[in-house]
Amino acid sequence: MPFEAYPLVQYAQYLGVLIFAGGALATVAASDLKIRQRAAYFAAAPGFLMAWGGGHIATDYLEHELFDIWHVLAFLSLVASMNIVHWSVAKEGRKSGVVSVSIALTLCAAVVLATFKPF
């Protein structure tokens, strides 16, 4: 990939994280199950794919190892956040503060790990 295209990959990755976070926020904020499901399926899921795909391309471009501990933990945190979002809208009555905090913590962990690469 040419060097000039890397900012576009970063932009897509950041946009994906924002779309995912917005979809997750709408999922926990809305009261109607159908609206929560639409937020999860039509905002959070595409945002997840953009964030994951952009991260994978950036990892390849920057020549980081795919199985570095920070990369694996960031991926697992993002997947956990996505699974919690989809679990919360699969059935009525799964909206709670614990679910909201779990989504926020796992998403924040993924962003911090991918940004600072602490390991």
Protein backbone atom coordinates (compact mmCIF):
# COMPACT_ATOMS: atom_id res chain seq x y z
CA MET A 1 0.00 0.00 0.00
CA PRO A 2 1.42 3.41 -0.87
CA PHE A 3 2.27 5.70 2.02
CA GLU A 4 -0.29 8.27 0.85
CA ALA A 5 -3.14 5.79 1.41
CA TYR A 6 -2.31 5.17 5.08
CA PRO A 7 -4.17 8.26 6.38
CA LEU A 8 -7.29 6.99 4.62
CA VAL A 9 -6.95 3.67 6.43
CA GLN A 10 -6.55 5.48 9.74
CA TYR A 11 -9.56 7.64 8.97
CA ALA A 12 -11.66 4.57 8.15
CA GLN A 13 -10.53 2.90 11.36
CA TYR A 14 -11.36 5.93 13.51
CA LEU A 15 -14.66 6.40 11.74
CA GLY A 16 -15.46 2.73 12.36
CA VAL A 17 -14.78 3.12 16.07
CA LEU A 18 -17.01 6.20 16.20
CA ILE A 19 -19.82 4.47 14.30
CA PHE A 20 -19.53 1.42 16.54
CA ALA A 21 -19.53 3.56 19.68
CA GLY A 22 -22.55 5.51 18.42
CA GLY A 23 -24.42 2.31 17.63
CA ALA A 24 -23.53 0.88 21.03
CA LEU A 25 -24.66 4.09 22.73
CA ALA A 26 -27.94 4.05 20.83
CA THR A 27 -28.34 0.40 21.77
CA VAL A 28 -28.13 1.12 25.48
CA ALA A 29 -29.97 4.46 25.36
CA ALA A 30 -33.08 3.51 23.39
CA SER A 31 -36.03 2.02 25.21
CA ASP A 32 -37.81 0.18 22.38
CA LEU A 33 -36.32 -3.21 21.48
CA LYS A 34 -36.76 -2.72 17.72
CA ILE A 35 -34.86 0.57 17.81
CA ARG A 36 -32.12 -1.02 19.91
CA GLN A 37 -31.85 -3.90 17.43
CA ARG A 38 -31.62 -1.52 14.48
CA ALA A 39 -28.86 0.43 16.22
CA ALA A 40 -26.94 -2.76 16.93
CA TYR A 41 -27.37 -4.31 13.50
CA PHE A 42 -27.17 -1.25 11.24
CA ALA A 43 -24.69 0.96 13.10
CA ALA A 44 -22.65 -1.04 15.60
CA ALA A 45 -22.00 -4.04 13.32
CA PRO A 46 -20.74 -2.04 10.28
CA GLY A 47 -18.68 0.15 12.64
CA PHE A 48 -17.14 -2.97 14.13
CA LEU A 49 -16.20 -4.23 10.66
CA MET A 50 -14.67 -0.88 9.71
CA ALA A 51 -12.67 -0.68 12.94
CA TRP A 52 -11.49 -4.28 12.71
CA GLY A 53 -10.66 -4.09 9.01
CA GLY A 54 -8.88 -0.78 9.35
CA GLY A 55 -6.90 -2.08 12.30
CA HIS A 56 -5.88 -5.19 10.41
CA ILE A 57 -4.75 -3.19 7.37
CA ALA A 58 -2.87 -0.71 9.59
CA THR A 59 -1.16 -3.56 11.43
CA ASP A 60 -0.04 -5.04 8.14
CA TYR A 61 1.08 -1.67 6.78
CA LEU A 62 3.07 -0.75 9.90
CA GLU A 63 4.60 -4.25 9.91
CA HIS A 64 3.52 -5.08 13.45
CA GLU A 65 3.21 -8.71 14.32
CA LEU A 66 -0.37 -9.94 14.02
CA PHE A 67 -0.10 -11.90 17.26
CA ASP A 68 1.50 -9.23 19.43
CA ILE A 69 -0.18 -9.34 22.82
CA TRP A 70 -1.59 -5.80 22.51
CA HIS A 71 -3.10 -6.63 19.13
CA VAL A 72 -4.71 -9.85 20.31
CA LEU A 73 -6.09 -8.20 23.47
CA ALA A 74 -7.44 -5.23 21.49
CA PHE A 75 -9.14 -7.59 19.05
CA LEU A 76 -10.62 -9.70 21.85
CA SER A 77 -11.86 -6.59 23.64
CA LEU A 78 -13.53 -5.29 20.49
CA VAL A 79 -15.12 -8.68 19.80
CA ALA A 80 -16.31 -8.89 23.41
CA SER A 81 -17.88 -5.45 23.12
CA MET A 82 -19.65 -6.41 19.90
CA ASN A 83 -20.90 -9.66 21.42
CA ILE A 84 -22.27 -7.84 24.46
CA VAL A 85 -24.06 -5.34 22.19
CA HIS A 86 -25.68 -8.12 20.18
CA TRP A 87 -26.48 -10.21 23.26
CA SER A 88 -28.23 -7.23 24.84
CA VAL A 89 -30.62 -6.82 21.89
CA ALA A 90 -31.30 -10.50 21.24
CA LYS A 91 -34.11 -10.63 23.78
CA GLU A 92 -36.26 -8.21 25.73
CA GLY A 93 -35.15 -7.51 29.29
CA ARG A 94 -31.40 -7.56 28.74
CA LYS A 95 -30.92 -3.83 29.11
CA SER A 96 -29.17 -2.92 32.35
CA GLY A 97 -26.46 -0.76 33.79
CA VAL A 98 -24.09 -3.70 34.01
CA VAL A 99 -24.46 -4.33 30.28
CA SER A 100 -23.86 -0.65 29.52
CA VAL A 101 -20.74 -0.52 31.67
CA SER A 102 -19.46 -3.77 30.15
CA ILE A 103 -19.83 -2.39 26.63
CA ALA A 104 -18.08 0.85 27.57
CA LEU A 105 -15.20 -0.86 29.38
CA THR A 106 -14.48 -3.36 26.64
CA LEU A 107 -14.65 -0.69 23.93
CA CYS A 108 -12.37 1.63 25.91
CA ALA A 109 -9.94 -1.23 26.52
CA ALA A 110 -9.79 -1.97 22.80
CA VAL A 111 -9.14 1.67 21.92
CA VAL A 112 -6.48 2.12 24.61
CA LEU A 113 -4.69 -1.09 23.65
CA ALA A 114 -4.71 -0.27 19.93
CA THR A 115 -3.65 3.34 20.48
CA PHE A 116 -0.89 3.00 23.07
CA LYS A 117 0.34 -0.55 22.32
CA PRO A 118 1.50 -1.06 25.92
CA PHE A 119 2.98 -4.56 25.51
